[in-house]
Amino acid sequence: MREGRVTACGRPCRVFRFSGYDPAHPERVTRYSAMRVEETGEAAAVFARYQKLLEDCGWRETRGLPYAWDFFDDGGRIPDGARSLYRGLGGDVRRFGDPFCTRGEDSFRAWLGRTHPELMEGERRG
């Protein structure tokens, strides 16, 4: 830290990525590593500020809400495996339009039901 600013290699940080940060475990830098916030030196202040901002914005009150993008537009849950199948289609996904839309035989969900019925068997409403 220099002059109250977080630095990296002596230069001011303009972006600080909190990928994998879990506010339920503020002592850890990320769920992808065993590194602890206390090991980050003066950057620990950035984590403390981020944690406070999350708390102030209602993280505790909203953390149990369902993830909106886990569901199709009719409330059906997107099955495990559907996202990787979708990504694997590359540019071919354009034929589906909105992947969350369930209307029509050309929808992603209809295609899943025809080509991967085993995925759709476990679909449940949220």
Protein backbone atom coordinates (compact mmCIF):
# COMPACT_ATOMS: atom_id res chain seq x y z
CA MET A 1 0.00 0.00 0.00
CA ARG A 2 1.29 3.42 -0.89
CA GLU A 3 -0.27 6.69 0.23
CA GLY A 4 -3.40 4.85 1.35
CA ARG A 5 -3.82 3.08 -1.99
CA VAL A 6 -3.47 -0.63 -2.68
CA THR A 7 -0.58 -1.37 -5.00
CA ALA A 8 0.66 -4.37 -6.95
CA CYS A 9 4.31 -4.43 -7.98
CA GLY A 10 4.53 -0.81 -6.85
CA ARG A 11 1.71 0.39 -9.11
CA PRO A 12 -1.80 1.41 -7.98
CA CYS A 13 -4.42 -1.32 -8.32
CA ARG A 14 -7.35 -0.28 -10.45
CA VAL A 15 -9.19 -3.59 -10.19
CA PHE A 16 -9.40 -6.00 -7.29
CA ARG A 17 -11.03 -9.32 -8.10
CA PHE A 18 -12.92 -11.11 -5.36
CA SER A 19 -13.50 -14.32 -7.32
CA GLY A 20 -14.34 -17.12 -4.94
CA TYR A 21 -14.61 -14.81 -1.94
CA ASP A 22 -17.19 -16.16 0.48
CA PRO A 23 -18.53 -13.60 2.95
CA ALA A 24 -19.55 -16.49 5.23
CA HIS A 25 -15.80 -17.16 5.64
CA PRO A 26 -14.21 -13.70 5.64
CA GLU A 27 -10.92 -15.06 6.91
CA ARG A 28 -10.25 -16.79 3.55
CA VAL A 29 -9.16 -14.99 0.39
CA THR A 30 -11.01 -17.40 -1.87
CA ARG A 31 -12.58 -20.83 -1.80
CA TYR A 32 -10.05 -21.86 -4.47
CA SER A 33 -7.02 -21.50 -2.19
CA ALA A 34 -5.97 -21.98 1.40
CA MET A 35 -4.58 -18.44 1.55
CA ARG A 36 -5.91 -16.41 4.44
CA VAL A 37 -6.77 -12.70 4.37
CA GLU A 38 -4.29 -12.04 7.20
CA GLU A 39 -1.53 -13.20 4.82
CA THR A 40 -2.28 -10.47 2.26
CA GLY A 41 -0.60 -7.69 4.21
CA GLU A 42 -2.13 -4.28 3.78
CA ALA A 43 -4.55 -5.63 1.16
CA ALA A 44 -6.44 -7.16 4.09
CA ALA A 45 -8.03 -3.72 4.48
CA VAL A 46 -9.59 -4.15 1.02
CA PHE A 47 -11.17 -7.44 2.09
CA ALA A 48 -12.45 -5.87 5.31
CA ARG A 49 -14.02 -3.00 3.39
CA TYR A 50 -15.61 -5.40 0.88
CA GLN A 51 -17.02 -7.53 3.71
CA LYS A 52 -18.50 -4.44 5.36
CA LEU A 53 -20.06 -3.29 2.08
CA LEU A 54 -21.62 -6.73 1.58
CA GLU A 55 -23.02 -6.66 5.11
CA ASP A 56 -24.33 -3.11 4.69
CA CYS A 57 -26.06 -4.08 1.43
CA GLY A 58 -27.99 -6.94 3.06
CA TRP A 59 -25.89 -9.97 2.21
CA ARG A 60 -27.04 -11.86 5.34
CA GLU A 61 -30.71 -11.19 4.62
CA THR A 62 -30.50 -12.24 0.97
CA ARG A 63 -27.97 -15.07 0.95
CA GLY A 64 -30.67 -17.76 1.14
CA LEU A 65 -32.56 -16.54 -1.91
CA PRO A 66 -32.53 -18.90 -4.89
CA TYR A 67 -30.20 -18.10 -7.76
CA ALA A 68 -32.48 -16.64 -10.44
CA TRP A 69 -30.55 -18.12 -13.33
CA ASP A 70 -31.07 -21.69 -12.04
CA PHE A 71 -34.57 -21.71 -13.51
CA PHE A 72 -36.30 -21.60 -16.87
CA ASP A 73 -38.92 -18.87 -17.30
CA ASP A 74 -41.72 -21.22 -16.23
CA GLY A 75 -40.07 -22.00 -12.89
CA GLY A 76 -38.57 -25.35 -13.92
CA ARG A 77 -35.05 -25.89 -12.59
CA ILE A 78 -32.25 -26.03 -15.16
CA PRO A 79 -30.83 -29.53 -14.81
CA ASP A 80 -27.23 -30.23 -13.86
CA GLY A 81 -25.22 -30.67 -17.02
CA ALA A 82 -27.40 -28.41 -19.19
CA ARG A 83 -25.02 -25.46 -18.96
CA SER A 84 -21.99 -27.42 -20.13
CA LEU A 85 -24.04 -28.89 -22.98
CA TYR A 86 -25.15 -25.38 -23.94
CA ARG A 87 -21.58 -24.03 -23.89
CA GLY A 88 -20.39 -27.00 -25.92
CA LEU A 89 -22.75 -26.10 -28.75
CA GLY A 90 -20.76 -22.95 -29.50
CA GLY A 91 -22.40 -20.71 -32.09
CA ASP A 92 -25.17 -23.26 -32.67
CA VAL A 93 -26.91 -21.94 -29.55
CA ARG A 94 -28.19 -18.97 -31.58
CA ARG A 95 -30.96 -21.20 -32.89
CA PHE A 96 -32.54 -21.30 -29.42
CA GLY A 97 -32.71 -17.59 -28.78
CA ASP A 98 -33.17 -16.91 -25.07
CA PRO A 99 -31.93 -20.10 -23.33
CA PHE A 100 -34.30 -19.55 -20.39
CA CYS A 101 -37.40 -19.29 -22.57
CA THR A 102 -39.50 -22.48 -22.60
CA ARG A 103 -42.04 -21.55 -25.28
CA GLY A 104 -41.89 -23.39 -28.57
CA GLU A 105 -40.39 -26.56 -29.93
CA ASP A 106 -37.24 -24.63 -30.88
CA SER A 107 -36.42 -23.67 -27.28
CA PHE A 108 -33.29 -24.92 -25.57
CA ARG A 109 -35.43 -26.73 -23.02
CA ALA A 110 -37.43 -28.54 -25.72
CA TRP A 111 -34.16 -29.55 -27.38
CA LEU A 112 -32.85 -30.86 -24.05
CA GLY A 113 -35.99 -32.94 -23.60
CA ARG A 114 -35.58 -34.49 -27.06
CA THR A 115 -31.82 -35.07 -27.03
CA HIS A 116 -31.10 -35.60 -23.33
CA PRO A 117 -34.31 -36.83 -21.70
CA GLU A 118 -32.32 -38.27 -18.79
CA LEU A 119 -31.43 -34.73 -17.73
CA MET A 120 -35.02 -33.61 -17.81
CA GLU A 121 -36.31 -36.49 -15.70
CA GLY A 122 -34.88 -34.93 -12.55
CA GLU A 123 -36.17 -31.44 -13.30
CA ARG A 124 -38.10 -29.98 -10.41
CA ARG A 125 -39.76 -26.69 -9.70
CA GLY A 126 -38.08 -24.14 -7.43
